[in-house]
Structure formats: structure tokens, C-alpha cells
Amino acid sequence: MGLFSFIKNAGAKVFGIGKTTEEEALEDAAKATELARVKASKLVNAVEALGFGVTDLDISVDGDLALVYGEAENQATREKIVLVVGNTEGIASVDDRMTTAVQEPEAQFHTVVSGDTLGKIAKTYYGNAMKYPVIFEANKPMLSDPDKIYPGQMLRIPALD
């Protein structure tokens, strides 16, 4: 009759090996929960390593969404924490549920595109390319060099004093 092709992992479990669909689903859910816990722990460690003033920091991850809780000492710190979390590979959005000890106006945000420089961004927001150090300082310690920004990165653009 010839050779017939079948899907290897489909069909009845005649040999008594393997797992049922329900067992596989439970294992997958357990793995996803553990992975989310590990990601959240690493994000907390990354934020804490930067020495931000935040109390009761808690981060949870659900797929590519990170939920961030805690009380930041000020609005700039709060925004920097959101940027650290959001500018992490695998995180597409951040649900900021933090509070601040001191209420202050929020900064604007800019997503870097190919060809952007801090000078070009400063020219757009402040009308003066030479104001780029304001943006650089507002994004420390996440930025270590004003020339090292990348497409897709989100930056804080604070109001000028």
C-alpha cells in the first residue's frame, strides 16, 4: 500500500506514555507562572540595583505586561522606574500603579526612532539642540552615554525649569 504520514503527537495514547492534553496544559500553566515570577524578580533586582528611592516595590509580569507597585520619592523616580521596566526586552507595556510621596508634574516621553540623537530630540521638544544634556540627565542612570540610544527606547523629556 505504501508509506502514510501521520502527526506524531496526535492520536490515542496506546503505549501508555506521554501526557494527556489536560496534564500538558497544567504543566504549561505552571511553567508560565514560574517564568513570570522569575521575570518579575529580575525586574525588581534591576530597579533596586539603580538605587532609586522607592518603598514597597512590587512588580508582577503577565505575558508582556508588567504591573508596577510601590511609592516613589518623586515623579522623576517613578517615571525612571517605568522606563527601566518598559525598556526591557520582552516587556511591551507597563501598568504604572505606583504612587509618589511628592506630587509633581509629569514629564513627556519620546520613543527613539532611527536617526534620532539627543540633540535632535532636544531641538524638537525645547527648540534648542544644545539642551540635550537636560534629556541625558533626566534619563540617568539608564543612559551612560549621550550617544548610546537605540530605536524603540523610550526616554523621559522633562519640562525645562
C-alpha atoms as a PDB file:
ATOM      1  CA  MET A   1       0.000   0.000   0.000  1.00  0.00           C
ATOM      2  CA  GLY A   2       2.826   2.429   0.576  1.00  0.00           C
ATOM      3  CA  LEU A   3       4.025   4.904   3.187  1.00  0.00           C
ATOM      4  CA  PHE A   4       1.497   7.015   5.067  1.00  0.00           C
ATOM      5  CA  SER A   5       2.427  10.115   7.124  1.00  0.00           C
ATOM      6  CA  PHE A   6       0.772  10.972  10.425  1.00  0.00           C
ATOM      7  CA  ILE A   7       1.154  13.670  13.042  1.00  0.00           C
ATOM      8  CA  LYS A   8       3.493  12.083  15.576  1.00  0.00           C
ATOM      9  CA  ASN A   9       1.999  13.533  18.770  1.00  0.00           C
ATOM     10  CA  ALA A  10      -1.664  13.209  17.882  1.00  0.00           C
ATOM     11  CA  GLY A  11      -3.956  10.283  18.445  1.00  0.00           C
ATOM     12  CA  ALA A  12      -4.604   7.756  21.181  1.00  0.00           C
ATOM     13  CA  LYS A  13      -2.042   7.120  23.923  1.00  0.00           C
ATOM     14  CA  VAL A  14      -1.903   3.386  23.185  1.00  0.00           C
ATOM     15  CA  PHE A  15       1.604   2.934  24.571  1.00  0.00           C
ATOM     16  CA  GLY A  16       0.764   4.421  27.960  1.00  0.00           C
ATOM     17  CA  ILE A  17       3.446   7.082  27.607  1.00  0.00           C
ATOM     18  CA  GLY A  18       3.097  10.774  27.246  1.00  0.00           C
ATOM     19  CA  LYS A  19       0.635  13.083  28.901  1.00  0.00           C
ATOM     20  CA  THR A  20      -2.961  13.916  28.352  1.00  0.00           C
ATOM     21  CA  THR A  21      -3.856  17.309  26.945  1.00  0.00           C
ATOM     22  CA  GLU A  22      -5.071  18.329  30.407  1.00  0.00           C
ATOM     23  CA  GLU A  23      -1.769  17.303  32.036  1.00  0.00           C
ATOM     24  CA  GLU A  24       0.193  19.210  29.403  1.00  0.00           C
ATOM     25  CA  ALA A  25      -1.993  22.295  29.910  1.00  0.00           C
ATOM     26  CA  LEU A  26      -1.398  22.180  33.678  1.00  0.00           C
ATOM     27  CA  GLU A  27       2.352  21.823  33.177  1.00  0.00           C
ATOM     28  CA  ASP A  28       2.385  24.705  30.680  1.00  0.00           C
ATOM     29  CA  ALA A  29       0.465  26.931  33.101  1.00  0.00           C
ATOM     30  CA  ALA A  30       2.878  26.064  35.919  1.00  0.00           C
ATOM     31  CA  LYS A  31       5.871  26.844  33.686  1.00  0.00           C
ATOM     32  CA  ALA A  32       4.340  30.167  32.615  1.00  0.00           C
ATOM     33  CA  THR A  33       3.646  31.119  36.233  1.00  0.00           C
ATOM     34  CA  GLU A  34       7.213  30.299  37.259  1.00  0.00           C
ATOM     35  CA  LEU A  35       8.646  32.194  34.286  1.00  0.00           C
ATOM     36  CA  ALA A  36       6.525  35.252  35.166  1.00  0.00           C
ATOM     37  CA  ARG A  37       7.749  35.067  38.771  1.00  0.00           C
ATOM     38  CA  VAL A  38      11.392  34.885  37.641  1.00  0.00           C
ATOM     39  CA  LYS A  39      10.940  37.815  35.222  1.00  0.00           C
ATOM     40  CA  ALA A  40       9.295  39.910  37.948  1.00  0.00           C
ATOM     41  CA  SER A  41      12.111  39.118  40.381  1.00  0.00           C
ATOM     42  CA  LYS A  42      14.741  40.130  37.822  1.00  0.00           C
ATOM     43  CA  LEU A  43      12.918  43.387  37.113  1.00  0.00           C
ATOM     44  CA  VAL A  44      12.783  44.204  40.837  1.00  0.00           C
ATOM     45  CA  ASN A  45      16.515  43.465  41.090  1.00  0.00           C
ATOM     46  CA  ALA A  46      17.255  45.699  38.081  1.00  0.00           C
ATOM     47  CA  VAL A  47      15.328  48.613  39.598  1.00  0.00           C
ATOM     48  CA  GLU A  48      16.853  48.143  43.048  1.00  0.00           C
ATOM     49  CA  ALA A  49      20.371  47.951  41.569  1.00  0.00           C
ATOM     50  CA  LEU A  50      19.922  51.502  40.259  1.00  0.00           C
ATOM     51  CA  GLY A  51      19.293  52.786  43.785  1.00  0.00           C
ATOM     52  CA  PHE A  52      16.019  54.558  43.159  1.00  0.00           C
ATOM     53  CA  GLY A  53      14.120  55.906  46.141  1.00  0.00           C
ATOM     54  CA  VAL A  54      11.095  53.616  46.206  1.00  0.00           C
ATOM     55  CA  THR A  55       9.401  51.800  49.061  1.00  0.00           C
ATOM     56  CA  ASP A  56       7.354  48.609  48.850  1.00  0.00           C
ATOM     57  CA  LEU A  57       8.410  47.990  45.243  1.00  0.00           C
ATOM     58  CA  ASP A  58       6.495  45.080  43.741  1.00  0.00           C
ATOM     59  CA  ILE A  59       6.427  44.020  40.111  1.00  0.00           C
ATOM     60  CA  SER A  60       4.368  41.267  38.542  1.00  0.00           C
ATOM     61  CA  VAL A  61       4.509  40.063  34.957  1.00  0.00           C
ATOM     62  CA  ASP A  62       1.637  38.722  32.886  1.00  0.00           C
ATOM     63  CA  GLY A  63       2.889  37.827  29.410  1.00  0.00           C
ATOM     64  CA  ASP A  64       4.430  41.021  28.047  1.00  0.00           C
ATOM     65  CA  LEU A  65       2.659  43.269  30.584  1.00  0.00           C
ATOM     66  CA  ALA A  66       4.415  44.390  33.770  1.00  0.00           C
ATOM     67  CA  LEU A  67       2.434  45.778  36.716  1.00  0.00           C
ATOM     68  CA  VAL A  68       4.482  48.042  38.987  1.00  0.00           C
ATOM     69  CA  TYR A  69       3.510  48.949  42.564  1.00  0.00           C
ATOM     70  CA  GLY A  70       5.253  50.971  45.255  1.00  0.00           C
ATOM     71  CA  GLU A  71       5.781  54.517  46.418  1.00  0.00           C
ATOM     72  CA  ALA A  72       8.436  56.563  44.628  1.00  0.00           C
ATOM     73  CA  GLU A  73      10.054  59.512  46.366  1.00  0.00           C
ATOM     74  CA  ASN A  74       9.134  61.812  43.456  1.00  0.00           C
ATOM     75  CA  GLN A  75       7.669  61.863  39.954  1.00  0.00           C
ATOM     76  CA  ALA A  76      11.053  61.654  38.218  1.00  0.00           C
ATOM     77  CA  THR A  77      11.909  58.469  40.113  1.00  0.00           C
ATOM     78  CA  ARG A  78       8.508  56.999  39.312  1.00  0.00           C
ATOM     79  CA  GLU A  79       8.972  57.701  35.608  1.00  0.00           C
ATOM     80  CA  LYS A  80      12.501  56.274  35.616  1.00  0.00           C
ATOM     81  CA  ILE A  81      11.247  53.051  37.191  1.00  0.00           C
ATOM     82  CA  VAL A  82       8.586  52.744  34.489  1.00  0.00           C
ATOM     83  CA  LEU A  83      11.282  53.286  31.844  1.00  0.00           C
ATOM     84  CA  VAL A  84      13.636  50.688  33.330  1.00  0.00           C
ATOM     85  CA  VAL A  85      10.841  48.127  33.324  1.00  0.00           C
ATOM     86  CA  GLY A  86       9.397  49.104  29.944  1.00  0.00           C
ATOM     87  CA  ASN A  87      12.754  49.289  28.152  1.00  0.00           C
ATOM     88  CA  THR A  88      13.344  45.621  28.999  1.00  0.00           C
ATOM     89  CA  GLU A  89      13.219  43.026  26.242  1.00  0.00           C
ATOM     90  CA  GLY A  90      10.021  41.014  26.494  1.00  0.00           C
ATOM     91  CA  ILE A  91       8.002  43.808  28.125  1.00  0.00           C
ATOM     92  CA  ALA A  92       5.595  45.575  25.749  1.00  0.00           C
ATOM     93  CA  SER A  93       3.624  47.627  28.279  1.00  0.00           C
ATOM     94  CA  VAL A  94       3.816  48.788  31.869  1.00  0.00           C
ATOM     95  CA  ASP A  95       0.793  49.333  34.097  1.00  0.00           C
ATOM     96  CA  ASP A  96       2.059  52.013  36.490  1.00  0.00           C
ATOM     97  CA  ARG A  97       0.228  51.612  39.781  1.00  0.00           C
ATOM     98  CA  MET A  98       2.827  53.455  41.839  1.00  0.00           C
ATOM     99  CA  THR A  99       2.236  56.490  43.982  1.00  0.00           C
ATOM    100  CA  THR A 100       4.591  59.345  44.760  1.00  0.00           C
ATOM    101  CA  ALA A 101       5.457  60.887  48.091  1.00  0.00           C
ATOM    102  CA  VAL A 102       5.531  64.341  46.461  1.00  0.00           C
ATOM    103  CA  GLN A 103       3.108  65.318  43.693  1.00  0.00           C
ATOM    104  CA  GLU A 104       4.856  66.886  40.688  1.00  0.00           C
ATOM    105  CA  PRO A 105       4.003  67.431  37.017  1.00  0.00           C
ATOM    106  CA  GLU A 106       4.605  64.501  34.692  1.00  0.00           C
ATOM    107  CA  ALA A 107       7.328  64.569  32.038  1.00  0.00           C
ATOM    108  CA  GLN A 108       6.703  63.907  28.365  1.00  0.00           C
ATOM    109  CA  PHE A 109       8.023  60.721  26.796  1.00  0.00           C
ATOM    110  CA  HIS A 110       9.713  60.135  23.461  1.00  0.00           C
ATOM    111  CA  THR A 111      10.249  56.852  21.653  1.00  0.00           C
ATOM    112  CA  VAL A 112      13.581  56.884  19.826  1.00  0.00           C
ATOM    113  CA  VAL A 113      13.444  56.259  16.088  1.00  0.00           C
ATOM    114  CA  SER A 114      16.278  55.503  13.682  1.00  0.00           C
ATOM    115  CA  GLY A 115      18.350  58.647  13.126  1.00  0.00           C
ATOM    116  CA  ASP A 116      17.443  60.258  16.460  1.00  0.00           C
ATOM    117  CA  THR A 117      20.102  61.879  18.616  1.00  0.00           C
ATOM    118  CA  LEU A 118      19.618  63.575  21.951  1.00  0.00           C
ATOM    119  CA  GLY A 119      20.359  66.874  20.195  1.00  0.00           C
ATOM    120  CA  LYS A 120      17.685  66.248  17.590  1.00  0.00           C
ATOM    121  CA  ILE A 121      15.189  65.282  20.300  1.00  0.00           C
ATOM    122  CA  ALA A 122      16.092  68.396  22.331  1.00  0.00           C
ATOM    123  CA  LYS A 123      15.541  70.550  19.235  1.00  0.00           C
ATOM    124  CA  THR A 124      12.078  69.000  18.788  1.00  0.00           C
ATOM    125  CA  TYR A 125      10.945  69.454  22.404  1.00  0.00           C
ATOM    126  CA  TYR A 126      12.902  72.514  23.539  1.00  0.00           C
ATOM    127  CA  GLY A 127      13.675  74.305  20.278  1.00  0.00           C
ATOM    128  CA  ASN A 128      17.394  74.104  21.064  1.00  0.00           C
ATOM    129  CA  ALA A 129      19.631  71.122  20.262  1.00  0.00           C
ATOM    130  CA  MET A 130      22.147  72.272  22.882  1.00  0.00           C
ATOM    131  CA  LYS A 131      19.633  71.368  25.623  1.00  0.00           C
ATOM    132  CA  TYR A 132      20.389  67.664  25.057  1.00  0.00           C
ATOM    133  CA  PRO A 133      22.168  67.396  28.454  1.00  0.00           C
ATOM    134  CA  VAL A 134      18.781  68.016  30.133  1.00  0.00           C
ATOM    135  CA  ILE A 135      17.414  64.871  28.466  1.00  0.00           C
ATOM    136  CA  PHE A 136      20.595  62.931  29.190  1.00  0.00           C
ATOM    137  CA  GLU A 137      20.491  63.839  32.902  1.00  0.00           C
ATOM    138  CA  ALA A 138      16.768  63.040  33.094  1.00  0.00           C
ATOM    139  CA  ASN A 139      17.460  59.508  31.881  1.00  0.00           C
ATOM    140  CA  LYS A 140      20.421  58.665  34.089  1.00  0.00           C
ATOM    141  CA  PRO A 141      21.380  56.057  35.229  1.00  0.00           C
ATOM    142  CA  MET A 142      19.667  54.181  32.384  1.00  0.00           C
ATOM    143  CA  LEU A 143      21.796  56.138  29.892  1.00  0.00           C
ATOM    144  CA  SER A 144      25.536  56.009  30.421  1.00  0.00           C
ATOM    145  CA  ASP A 145      26.487  57.962  27.299  1.00  0.00           C
ATOM    146  CA  PRO A 146      24.517  60.589  25.355  1.00  0.00           C
ATOM    147  CA  ASP A 147      25.464  58.859  22.094  1.00  0.00           C
ATOM    148  CA  LYS A 148      24.110  55.448  23.141  1.00  0.00           C
ATOM    149  CA  ILE A 149      20.399  55.498  22.444  1.00  0.00           C
ATOM    150  CA  TYR A 150      18.601  52.957  20.276  1.00  0.00           C
ATOM    151  CA  PRO A 151      15.407  52.789  18.210  1.00  0.00           C
ATOM    152  CA  GLY A 152      12.427  51.695  20.275  1.00  0.00           C
ATOM    153  CA  GLN A 153      13.895  53.029  23.527  1.00  0.00           C
ATOM    154  CA  MET A 154      11.611  55.360  25.455  1.00  0.00           C
ATOM    155  CA  LEU A 155      13.106  58.480  27.089  1.00  0.00           C
ATOM    156  CA  ARG A 156      11.863  60.991  29.661  1.00  0.00           C
ATOM    157  CA  ILE A 157      11.610  64.559  28.389  1.00  0.00           C
ATOM    158  CA  PRO A 158      11.208  66.773  31.466  1.00  0.00           C
ATOM    159  CA  ALA A 159       9.901  70.316  31.333  1.00  0.00           C
ATOM    160  CA  LEU A 160      12.594  72.980  31.385  1.00  0.00           C
ATOM    161  CA  ASP A 161      12.943  74.833  34.680  1.00  0.00           C
END
